[in-house]
Amino acid sequence: MEKTLERLFARNTKLRRLLILLILVVLGIIDLATGYEYSFSVFYLLPISIAAWYDQYKTTVITILLSAITWLIADSNAGHPYSNSIIPFWNALVRLGFFSIVAFLLINVRKNWQEMKNLAMKDQLTSLDNSRAFDIEYRILRKLNFRKQTCFAVGIIDLDGFKAVNDTHGHHRGDEVLLQFSQVLKKACRSSDIIARLGGDEFAIILLDIDETQAHHCDQRIRALFQESGLKQKYGVDFSMGLAILAELPENLEDATKIADQLMYQSKSLGKSQTTVQSFMNTEPAF
């Protein structure tokens, strides 16, 4: 349900705003047609809620004003007898306040919900995706793979010498290494690529629409930026990586990372501080 609403309201701004306007027009017509004996104020919260939850603050304010004005026009033309001509304007002002309070509460609930969602989906130290978010992203990419037949590179990265940093310099220095290394990955990878910290000193990446040559280029970028970071010179750390290029993503993330993990351990067995890239475009990987 949430995903359906997200697709309907969040991704298409023009459609969302057109829908808000259409709902207001329909509500105004129904409100006018049913007369003043039936109260329709609560139904105006529908377009206001859509604006407050999915759109910008400015759009929400405009929707609130249009809702109050629509109600006032419908009420004024419904033949409602008032003892004083100022009463309908007062009632419209009260509704304006009511609409504003509901919108304000929804905006704050949305903000808090988004913050909680980020806390649940982000690694608190590096702000990278955590393992839960990485699994969700993988499932989305797998669907994309079926539709577009896009090739991916799944990578597992493990820091070499990280334990010695914690033992020698303390955990606060270890955290500094993890944070700086995460920034190296962010700079080296494209915005469309997926980067995650799986826990400890283990990271994972998914590179989109990539072949073996491009995978090697990505590795070179990461290593060049890593060299510039000074982490190796200052703390004596390096990293080993395994990159598996897949024409078809396995059903489970665990199977995909297992392939990359095996390649990463192959890098370690060859002397660490290197990357093993293997393409499975024409062969079936063994899980």
C-alpha atoms as a PDB file:
ATOM      1  CA  MET A   1       0.000   0.000   0.000  1.00  0.00           C
ATOM      2  CA  GLU A   2       2.766   2.398   0.978  1.00  0.00           C
ATOM      3  CA  LYS A   3       4.684   1.679  -2.236  1.00  0.00           C
ATOM      4  CA  THR A   4       1.549   2.225  -4.332  1.00  0.00           C
ATOM      5  CA  LEU A   5       0.902   5.611  -2.716  1.00  0.00           C
ATOM      6  CA  GLU A   6       4.568   6.509  -3.097  1.00  0.00           C
ATOM      7  CA  ARG A   7       4.444   5.759  -6.825  1.00  0.00           C
ATOM      8  CA  LEU A   8       1.177   7.647  -7.256  1.00  0.00           C
ATOM      9  CA  PHE A   9       1.915  10.788  -5.259  1.00  0.00           C
ATOM     10  CA  ALA A  10       5.636  11.150  -4.587  1.00  0.00           C
ATOM     11  CA  ARG A  11       7.271  10.541  -7.950  1.00  0.00           C
ATOM     12  CA  ASN A  12       5.148  12.643 -10.313  1.00  0.00           C
ATOM     13  CA  THR A  13       4.849  16.238  -9.142  1.00  0.00           C
ATOM     14  CA  LYS A  14       2.588  17.422 -11.973  1.00  0.00           C
ATOM     15  CA  LEU A  15       0.198  14.488 -11.576  1.00  0.00           C
ATOM     16  CA  ARG A  16       0.084  14.945  -7.801  1.00  0.00           C
ATOM     17  CA  ARG A  17      -0.722  18.659  -7.997  1.00  0.00           C
ATOM     18  CA  LEU A  18      -3.281  18.100 -10.743  1.00  0.00           C
ATOM     19  CA  LEU A  19      -4.927  15.459  -8.555  1.00  0.00           C
ATOM     20  CA  ILE A  20      -4.998  17.859  -5.577  1.00  0.00           C
ATOM     21  CA  LEU A  21      -6.682  20.509  -7.735  1.00  0.00           C
ATOM     22  CA  LEU A  22      -9.153  17.990  -9.176  1.00  0.00           C
ATOM     23  CA  ILE A  23     -10.127  16.757  -5.697  1.00  0.00           C
ATOM     24  CA  LEU A  24     -10.717  20.348  -4.579  1.00  0.00           C
ATOM     25  CA  VAL A  25     -12.957  21.056  -7.586  1.00  0.00           C
ATOM     26  CA  VAL A  26     -14.969  17.853  -7.040  1.00  0.00           C
ATOM     27  CA  LEU A  27     -15.343  18.580  -3.317  1.00  0.00           C
ATOM     28  CA  GLY A  28     -16.466  22.132  -4.062  1.00  0.00           C
ATOM     29  CA  ILE A  29     -19.114  20.922  -6.525  1.00  0.00           C
ATOM     30  CA  ILE A  30     -20.417  18.240  -4.130  1.00  0.00           C
ATOM     31  CA  ASP A  31     -20.355  20.687  -1.210  1.00  0.00           C
ATOM     32  CA  LEU A  32     -22.375  23.198  -3.212  1.00  0.00           C
ATOM     33  CA  ALA A  33     -24.815  20.592  -4.569  1.00  0.00           C
ATOM     34  CA  THR A  34     -25.600  19.076  -1.152  1.00  0.00           C
ATOM     35  CA  GLY A  35     -26.372  22.419   0.457  1.00  0.00           C
ATOM     36  CA  TYR A  36     -25.422  23.894   3.808  1.00  0.00           C
ATOM     37  CA  GLU A  37     -27.112  21.200   5.913  1.00  0.00           C
ATOM     38  CA  TYR A  38     -24.335  18.688   5.146  1.00  0.00           C
ATOM     39  CA  SER A  39     -20.868  19.475   6.465  1.00  0.00           C
ATOM     40  CA  PHE A  40     -17.978  18.626   4.133  1.00  0.00           C
ATOM     41  CA  SER A  41     -15.119  20.311   6.005  1.00  0.00           C
ATOM     42  CA  VAL A  42     -13.384  17.057   6.954  1.00  0.00           C
ATOM     43  CA  PHE A  43     -13.158  15.927   3.311  1.00  0.00           C
ATOM     44  CA  TYR A  44     -11.019  18.953   2.451  1.00  0.00           C
ATOM     45  CA  LEU A  45      -8.328  17.311   4.572  1.00  0.00           C
ATOM     46  CA  LEU A  46      -7.715  14.790   1.753  1.00  0.00           C
ATOM     47  CA  PRO A  47      -5.994  17.185  -0.698  1.00  0.00           C
ATOM     48  CA  ILE A  48      -4.344  18.979   2.238  1.00  0.00           C
ATOM     49  CA  SER A  49      -2.952  15.682   3.540  1.00  0.00           C
ATOM     50  CA  ILE A  50      -1.577  14.739   0.115  1.00  0.00           C
ATOM     51  CA  ALA A  51       0.156  18.127  -0.159  1.00  0.00           C
ATOM     52  CA  ALA A  52       1.503  18.059   3.409  1.00  0.00           C
ATOM     53  CA  TRP A  53       2.850  14.505   3.159  1.00  0.00           C
ATOM     54  CA  TYR A  54       4.204  14.421  -0.380  1.00  0.00           C
ATOM     55  CA  ASP A  55       4.753  17.997  -1.553  1.00  0.00           C
ATOM     56  CA  GLN A  56       6.572  21.190  -0.595  1.00  0.00           C
ATOM     57  CA  TYR A  57       5.598  23.590   2.175  1.00  0.00           C
ATOM     58  CA  LYS A  58       4.562  26.242  -0.372  1.00  0.00           C
ATOM     59  CA  THR A  59       2.215  23.821  -2.135  1.00  0.00           C
ATOM     60  CA  THR A  60       0.681  22.854   1.213  1.00  0.00           C
ATOM     61  CA  VAL A  61      -0.026  26.506   2.104  1.00  0.00           C
ATOM     62  CA  ILE A  62      -1.646  27.100  -1.300  1.00  0.00           C
ATOM     63  CA  THR A  63      -3.774  23.948  -0.888  1.00  0.00           C
ATOM     64  CA  ILE A  64      -4.930  25.090   2.569  1.00  0.00           C
ATOM     65  CA  LEU A  65      -5.919  28.513   1.215  1.00  0.00           C
ATOM     66  CA  LEU A  66      -7.706  27.016  -1.797  1.00  0.00           C
ATOM     67  CA  SER A  67      -9.582  24.582   0.465  1.00  0.00           C
ATOM     68  CA  ALA A  68     -10.811  27.382   2.730  1.00  0.00           C
ATOM     69  CA  ILE A  69     -11.789  29.540  -0.255  1.00  0.00           C
ATOM     70  CA  THR A  70     -13.572  26.615  -1.956  1.00  0.00           C
ATOM     71  CA  TRP A  71     -15.542  25.931   1.226  1.00  0.00           C
ATOM     72  CA  LEU A  72     -16.438  29.642   1.536  1.00  0.00           C
ATOM     73  CA  ILE A  73     -17.632  29.859  -2.080  1.00  0.00           C
ATOM     74  CA  ALA A  74     -19.724  26.682  -1.718  1.00  0.00           C
ATOM     75  CA  ASP A  75     -21.203  27.870   1.572  1.00  0.00           C
ATOM     76  CA  SER A  76     -21.933  31.377   0.267  1.00  0.00           C
ATOM     77  CA  ASN A  77     -23.820  29.990  -2.734  1.00  0.00           C
ATOM     78  CA  ALA A  78     -25.707  27.306  -0.810  1.00  0.00           C
ATOM     79  CA  GLY A  79     -28.299  29.713   0.563  1.00  0.00           C
ATOM     80  CA  HIS A  80     -27.114  29.394   4.159  1.00  0.00           C
ATOM     81  CA  PRO A  81     -28.907  32.096   6.232  1.00  0.00           C
ATOM     82  CA  TYR A  82     -26.623  33.997   8.644  1.00  0.00           C
ATOM     83  CA  SER A  83     -27.628  36.605  11.206  1.00  0.00           C
ATOM     84  CA  ASN A  84     -24.501  38.598  10.343  1.00  0.00           C
ATOM     85  CA  SER A  85     -22.669  38.853   7.021  1.00  0.00           C
ATOM     86  CA  ILE A  86     -19.302  38.441   8.734  1.00  0.00           C
ATOM     87  CA  ILE A  87     -20.132  34.943  10.088  1.00  0.00           C
ATOM     88  CA  PRO A  88     -19.247  32.960   6.899  1.00  0.00           C
ATOM     89  CA  PHE A  89     -15.854  34.689   6.788  1.00  0.00           C
ATOM     90  CA  TRP A  90     -15.305  33.873  10.450  1.00  0.00           C
ATOM     91  CA  ASN A  91     -16.218  30.231   9.787  1.00  0.00           C
ATOM     92  CA  ALA A  92     -13.831  30.166   6.826  1.00  0.00           C
ATOM     93  CA  LEU A  93     -11.085  31.567   9.069  1.00  0.00           C
ATOM     94  CA  VAL A  94     -11.766  28.863  11.674  1.00  0.00           C
ATOM     95  CA  ARG A  95     -11.557  26.181   8.994  1.00  0.00           C
ATOM     96  CA  LEU A  96      -8.353  27.761   7.724  1.00  0.00           C
ATOM     97  CA  GLY A  97      -6.893  27.385  11.212  1.00  0.00           C
ATOM     98  CA  PHE A  98      -8.126  23.794  11.474  1.00  0.00           C
ATOM     99  CA  PHE A  99      -6.648  22.882   8.087  1.00  0.00           C
ATOM    100  CA  SER A 100      -3.339  24.544   9.030  1.00  0.00           C
ATOM    101  CA  ILE A 101      -3.051  22.646  12.322  1.00  0.00           C
ATOM    102  CA  VAL A 102      -3.677  19.287  10.621  1.00  0.00           C
ATOM    103  CA  ALA A 103      -1.159  20.113   7.879  1.00  0.00           C
ATOM    104  CA  PHE A 104       1.443  21.231  10.444  1.00  0.00           C
ATOM    105  CA  LEU A 105       1.026  17.984  12.393  1.00  0.00           C
ATOM    106  CA  LEU A 106       1.293  15.882   9.227  1.00  0.00           C
ATOM    107  CA  ILE A 107       4.449  17.694   8.095  1.00  0.00           C
ATOM    108  CA  ASN A 108       6.076  17.042  11.471  1.00  0.00           C
ATOM    109  CA  VAL A 109       4.967  13.403  11.543  1.00  0.00           C
ATOM    110  CA  ARG A 110       6.385  12.975   8.034  1.00  0.00           C
ATOM    111  CA  LYS A 111       9.671  14.609   9.086  1.00  0.00           C
ATOM    112  CA  ASN A 112      10.005  12.408  12.185  1.00  0.00           C
ATOM    113  CA  TRP A 113       9.041   9.311  10.218  1.00  0.00           C
ATOM    114  CA  GLN A 114      11.696  10.105   7.597  1.00  0.00           C
ATOM    115  CA  GLU A 115      14.330  10.599  10.299  1.00  0.00           C
ATOM    116  CA  MET A 116      13.407   7.269  11.898  1.00  0.00           C
ATOM    117  CA  LYS A 117      13.499   5.593   8.494  1.00  0.00           C
ATOM    118  CA  ASN A 118      16.976   7.015   7.864  1.00  0.00           C
ATOM    119  CA  LEU A 119      18.133   5.782  11.262  1.00  0.00           C
ATOM    120  CA  ALA A 120      16.866   2.308  10.414  1.00  0.00           C
ATOM    121  CA  MET A 121      18.409   2.279   6.920  1.00  0.00           C
ATOM    122  CA  LYS A 122      21.710   4.117   7.433  1.00  0.00           C
ATOM    123  CA  ASP A 123      24.946   3.171   9.131  1.00  0.00           C
ATOM    124  CA  GLN A 124      25.243   5.678  11.967  1.00  0.00           C
ATOM    125  CA  LEU A 125      29.007   6.183  11.667  1.00  0.00           C
ATOM    126  CA  THR A 126      29.471   6.517   7.906  1.00  0.00           C
ATOM    127  CA  SER A 127      25.934   7.444   6.734  1.00  0.00           C
ATOM    128  CA  LEU A 128      26.228   4.708   4.109  1.00  0.00           C
ATOM    129  CA  ASP A 129      23.435   2.185   3.590  1.00  0.00           C
ATOM    130  CA  ASN A 130      23.393  -0.500   6.258  1.00  0.00           C
ATOM    131  CA  SER A 131      22.905  -4.206   5.526  1.00  0.00           C
ATOM    132  CA  ARG A 132      19.113  -3.890   5.689  1.00  0.00           C
ATOM    133  CA  ALA A 133      19.021  -1.053   3.157  1.00  0.00           C
ATOM    134  CA  PHE A 134      21.544  -2.894   0.981  1.00  0.00           C
ATOM    135  CA  ASP A 135      19.241  -5.923   0.836  1.00  0.00           C
ATOM    136  CA  ILE A 136      16.279  -3.742  -0.199  1.00  0.00           C
ATOM    137  CA  GLU A 137      18.339  -1.972  -2.879  1.00  0.00           C
ATOM    138  CA  TYR A 138      19.499  -5.345  -4.180  1.00  0.00           C
ATOM    139  CA  ARG A 139      15.936  -6.586  -4.618  1.00  0.00           C
ATOM    140  CA  ILE A 140      15.028  -3.413  -6.518  1.00  0.00           C
ATOM    141  CA  LEU A 141      18.070  -3.783  -8.775  1.00  0.00           C
ATOM    142  CA  ARG A 142      17.235  -7.426  -9.423  1.00  0.00           C
ATOM    143  CA  LYS A 143      13.849  -6.378 -10.794  1.00  0.00           C
ATOM    144  CA  LEU A 144      15.626  -3.794 -12.942  1.00  0.00           C
ATOM    145  CA  ASN A 145      17.972  -6.528 -14.165  1.00  0.00           C
ATOM    146  CA  PHE A 146      15.026  -8.628 -15.387  1.00  0.00           C
ATOM    147  CA  ARG A 147      13.482  -5.678 -17.263  1.00  0.00           C
ATOM    148  CA  LYS A 148      16.575  -4.132 -18.835  1.00  0.00           C
ATOM    149  CA  GLN A 149      19.127  -6.961 -18.815  1.00  0.00           C
ATOM    150  CA  THR A 150      21.655  -4.642 -17.181  1.00  0.00           C
ATOM    151  CA  CYS A 151      25.003  -6.019 -15.997  1.00  0.00           C
ATOM    152  CA  PHE A 152      26.132  -5.411 -12.423  1.00  0.00           C
ATOM    153  CA  ALA A 153      29.345  -5.751 -10.465  1.00  0.00           C
ATOM    154  CA  VAL A 154      28.887  -6.872  -6.871  1.00  0.00           C
ATOM    155  CA  GLY A 155      31.870  -6.086  -4.670  1.00  0.00           C
ATOM    156  CA  ILE A 156      32.963  -6.966  -1.140  1.00  0.00           C
ATOM    157  CA  ILE A 157      35.720  -4.902   0.479  1.00  0.00           C
ATOM    158  CA  ASP A 158      37.618  -5.713   3.652  1.00  0.00           C
ATOM    159  CA  LEU A 159      40.155  -3.398   5.286  1.00  0.00           C
ATOM    160  CA  ASP A 160      43.586  -4.939   5.810  1.00  0.00           C
ATOM    161  CA  GLY A 161      45.272  -4.077   9.110  1.00  0.00           C
ATOM    162  CA  PHE A 162      42.195  -2.500  10.654  1.00  0.00           C
ATOM    163  CA  LYS A 163      42.304  -4.574  13.854  1.00  0.00           C
ATOM    164  CA  ALA A 164      45.797  -3.256  14.550  1.00  0.00           C
ATOM    165  CA  VAL A 165      44.476   0.324  14.361  1.00  0.00           C
ATOM    166  CA  ASN A 166      41.872  -0.410  17.044  1.00  0.00           C
ATOM    167  CA  ASP A 167      44.409  -2.232  19.208  1.00  0.00           C
ATOM    168  CA  THR A 168      47.145   0.400  18.858  1.00  0.00           C
ATOM    169  CA  HIS A 169      45.323   3.717  18.482  1.00  0.00           C
ATOM    170  CA  GLY A 170      41.933   2.989  20.043  1.00  0.00           C
ATOM    171  CA  HIS A 171      38.418   2.639  18.679  1.00  0.00           C
ATOM    172  CA  HIS A 172      37.996   6.374  18.061  1.00  0.00           C
ATOM    173  CA  ARG A 173      40.849   6.197  15.521  1.00  0.00           C
ATOM    174  CA  GLY A 174      39.297   3.071  14.064  1.00  0.00           C
ATOM    175  CA  ASP A 175      36.056   4.983  13.572  1.00  0.00           C
ATOM    176  CA  GLU A 176      38.019   7.751  11.854  1.00  0.00           C
ATOM    177  CA  VAL A 177      39.513   5.218   9.429  1.00  0.00           C
ATOM    178  CA  LEU A 178      36.066   3.781   8.630  1.00  0.00           C
ATOM    179  CA  LEU A 179      34.612   7.243   8.081  1.00  0.00           C
ATOM    180  CA  GLN A 180      37.444   8.370   5.799  1.00  0.00           C
ATOM    181  CA  PHE A 181      37.316   5.127   3.826  1.00  0.00           C
ATOM    182  CA  SER A 182      33.560   5.530   3.334  1.00  0.00           C
ATOM    183  CA  GLN A 183      34.240   8.990   1.884  1.00  0.00           C
ATOM    184  CA  VAL A 184      36.783   7.462  -0.498  1.00  0.00           C
ATOM    185  CA  LEU A 185      34.115   5.041  -1.757  1.00  0.00           C
ATOM    186  CA  LYS A 186      31.560   7.834  -2.163  1.00  0.00           C
ATOM    187  CA  LYS A 187      33.979   9.885  -4.266  1.00  0.00           C
ATOM    188  CA  ALA A 188      35.098   6.939  -6.393  1.00  0.00           C
ATOM    189  CA  CYS A 189      31.663   5.511  -7.175  1.00  0.00           C
ATOM    190  CA  ARG A 190      28.904   7.074  -9.244  1.00  0.00           C
ATOM    191  CA  SER A 191      25.757   8.456  -7.661  1.00  0.00           C
ATOM    192  CA  SER A 192      23.781   5.587  -9.217  1.00  0.00           C
ATOM    193  CA  ASP A 193      25.984   2.940  -7.562  1.00  0.00           C
ATOM    194  CA  ILE A 194      25.090   1.376  -4.216  1.00  0.00           C
ATOM    195  CA  ILE A 195      27.541   1.565  -1.306  1.00  0.00           C
ATOM    196  CA  ALA A 196      26.975  -0.043   2.088  1.00  0.00           C
ATOM    197  CA  ARG A 197      28.792  -0.842   5.284  1.00  0.00           C
ATOM    198  CA  LEU A 198      27.888  -4.387   6.262  1.00  0.00           C
ATOM    199  CA  GLY A 199      29.468  -4.160   9.692  1.00  0.00           C
ATOM    200  CA  GLY A 200      32.917  -3.868  11.239  1.00  0.00           C
ATOM    201  CA  ASP A 201      35.473  -3.152   8.511  1.00  0.00           C
ATOM    202  CA  GLU A 202      33.484  -4.830   5.727  1.00  0.00           C
ATOM    203  CA  PHE A 203      31.909  -2.794   2.932  1.00  0.00           C
ATOM    204  CA  ALA A 204      29.886  -3.737  -0.139  1.00  0.00           C
ATOM    205  CA  ILE A 205      29.245  -2.034  -3.453  1.00  0.00           C
ATOM    206  CA  ILE A 206      27.006  -2.673  -6.444  1.00  0.00           C
ATOM    207  CA  LEU A 207      28.130  -0.997  -9.664  1.00  0.00           C
ATOM    208  CA  LEU A 208      25.415  -0.541 -12.260  1.00  0.00           C
ATOM    209  CA  ASP A 209      25.637  -1.082 -16.017  1.00  0.00           C
ATOM    210  CA  ILE A 210      29.286  -2.125 -16.002  1.00  0.00           C
ATOM    211  CA  ASP A 211      31.673  -4.502 -17.759  1.00  0.00           C
ATOM    212  CA  GLU A 212      35.026  -5.979 -16.734  1.00  0.00           C
ATOM    213  CA  THR A 213      37.090  -3.074 -18.108  1.00  0.00           C
ATOM    214  CA  GLN A 214      34.945  -0.503 -16.320  1.00  0.00           C
ATOM    215  CA  ALA A 215      35.169  -2.545 -13.125  1.00  0.00           C
ATOM    216  CA  HIS A 216      38.968  -2.361 -13.281  1.00  0.00           C
ATOM    217  CA  HIS A 217      38.746   1.394 -13.851  1.00  0.00           C
ATOM    218  CA  CYS A 218      36.524   1.732 -10.787  1.00  0.00           C
ATOM    219  CA  ASP A 219      39.042  -0.222  -8.721  1.00  0.00           C
ATOM    220  CA  GLN A 220      41.808   2.092  -9.940  1.00  0.00           C
ATOM    221  CA  ARG A 221      39.761   5.161  -8.935  1.00  0.00           C
ATOM    222  CA  ILE A 222      39.146   3.761  -5.466  1.00  0.00           C
ATOM    223  CA  ARG A 223      42.820   2.933  -4.974  1.00  0.00           C
ATOM    224  CA  ALA A 224      43.984   6.325  -6.271  1.00  0.00           C
ATOM    225  CA  LEU A 225      41.635   8.168  -3.903  1.00  0.00           C
ATOM    226  CA  PHE A 226      42.593   5.823  -1.081  1.00  0.00           C
ATOM    227  CA  GLN A 227      46.252   6.690  -1.668  1.00  0.00           C
ATOM    228  CA  GLU A 228      45.386  10.407  -1.583  1.00  0.00           C
ATOM    229  CA  SER A 229      43.504   9.982   1.698  1.00  0.00           C
ATOM    230  CA  GLY A 230      46.730   9.157   3.555  1.00  0.00           C
ATOM    231  CA  LEU A 231      45.117   6.307   5.499  1.00  0.00           C
ATOM    232  CA  LYS A 232      47.827   3.853   4.519  1.00  0.00           C
ATOM    233  CA  GLN A 233      50.643   6.222   5.460  1.00  0.00           C
ATOM    234  CA  LYS A 234      49.056   7.298   8.743  1.00  0.00           C
ATOM    235  CA  TYR A 235      47.542   4.053  10.012  1.00  0.00           C
ATOM    236  CA  GLY A 236      49.109   1.328   7.876  1.00  0.00           C
ATOM    237  CA  VAL A 237      45.772   0.082   6.547  1.00  0.00           C
ATOM    238  CA  ASP A 238      44.904  -1.033   3.026  1.00  0.00           C
ATOM    239  CA  PHE A 239      42.025  -2.988   1.527  1.00  0.00           C
ATOM    240  CA  SER A 240      41.289  -6.188  -0.365  1.00  0.00           C
ATOM    241  CA  MET A 241      38.331  -6.373  -2.725  1.00  0.00           C
ATOM    242  CA  GLY A 242      36.481  -8.949  -4.764  1.00  0.00           C
ATOM    243  CA  LEU A 243      34.375  -7.806  -7.738  1.00  0.00           C
ATOM    244  CA  ALA A 244      32.001 -10.240  -9.440  1.00  0.00           C
ATOM    245  CA  ILE A 245      30.463  -9.104 -12.741  1.00  0.00           C
ATOM    246  CA  LEU A 246      27.088 -10.737 -13.221  1.00  0.00           C
ATOM    247  CA  ALA A 247      24.768 -10.822 -16.213  1.00  0.00           C
ATOM    248  CA  GLU A 248      21.973 -12.114 -13.988  1.00  0.00           C
ATOM    249  CA  LEU A 249      21.670 -11.366 -10.303  1.00  0.00           C
ATOM    250  CA  PRO A 250      21.048 -14.365  -8.027  1.00  0.00           C
ATOM    251  CA  GLU A 251      17.695 -14.506  -6.277  1.00  0.00           C
ATOM    252  CA  ASN A 252      19.217 -13.789  -2.867  1.00  0.00           C
ATOM    253  CA  LEU A 253      21.691 -11.083  -1.914  1.00  0.00           C
ATOM    254  CA  GLU A 254      23.562 -13.648   0.165  1.00  0.00           C
ATOM    255  CA  ASP A 255      24.364 -15.664  -2.970  1.00  0.00           C
ATOM    256  CA  ALA A 256      25.658 -12.574  -4.795  1.00  0.00           C
ATOM    257  CA  THR A 257      27.840 -11.406  -1.914  1.00  0.00           C
ATOM    258  CA  LYS A 258      29.143 -14.954  -1.410  1.00  0.00           C
ATOM    259  CA  ILE A 259      30.627 -14.871  -4.922  1.00  0.00           C
ATOM    260  CA  ALA A 260      32.265 -11.482  -4.302  1.00  0.00           C
ATOM    261  CA  ASP A 261      33.379 -12.618  -0.847  1.00  0.00           C
ATOM    262  CA  GLN A 262      35.201 -15.608  -2.333  1.00  0.00           C
ATOM    263  CA  LEU A 263      36.999 -13.285  -4.752  1.00  0.00           C
ATOM    264  CA  MET A 264      37.905 -10.955  -1.885  1.00  0.00           C
ATOM    265  CA  TYR A 265      39.461 -13.835   0.087  1.00  0.00           C
ATOM    266  CA  GLN A 266      41.297 -14.808  -3.071  1.00  0.00           C
ATOM    267  CA  SER A 267      42.805 -11.294  -3.040  1.00  0.00           C
ATOM    268  CA  LYS A 268      43.847 -11.784   0.586  1.00  0.00           C
ATOM    269  CA  SER A 269      45.426 -15.163  -0.154  1.00  0.00           C
ATOM    270  CA  LEU A 270      47.475 -13.546  -2.933  1.00  0.00           C
ATOM    271  CA  GLY A 271      49.014 -11.074  -0.500  1.00  0.00           C
ATOM    272  CA  LYS A 272      46.213  -8.627   0.387  1.00  0.00           C
ATOM    273  CA  SER A 273      45.988  -4.970  -0.742  1.00  0.00           C
ATOM    274  CA  GLN A 274      44.638  -5.958  -4.155  1.00  0.00           C
ATOM    275  CA  THR A 275      41.440  -6.609  -6.087  1.00  0.00           C
ATOM    276  CA  THR A 276      40.271  -9.756  -7.843  1.00  0.00           C
ATOM    277  CA  VAL A 277      37.816  -9.061 -10.663  1.00  0.00           C
ATOM    278  CA  GLN A 278      36.011 -11.935 -12.354  1.00  0.00           C
ATOM    279  CA  SER A 279      33.308 -11.866 -14.980  1.00  0.00           C
ATOM    280  CA  PHE A 280      30.520 -14.439 -14.893  1.00  0.00           C
ATOM    281  CA  MET A 281      28.916 -13.193 -18.110  1.00  0.00           C
ATOM    282  CA  ASN A 282      29.346 -16.526 -19.893  1.00  0.00           C
ATOM    283  CA  THR A 283      29.670 -18.861 -16.926  1.00  0.00           C
ATOM    284  CA  GLU A 284      27.394 -19.782 -14.046  1.00  0.00           C
ATOM    285  CA  PRO A 285      28.883 -18.829 -10.650  1.00  0.00           C
ATOM    286  CA  ALA A 286      29.112 -21.559  -8.028  1.00  0.00           C
ATOM    287  CA  PHE A 287      27.280 -20.567  -4.844  1.00  0.00           C
END
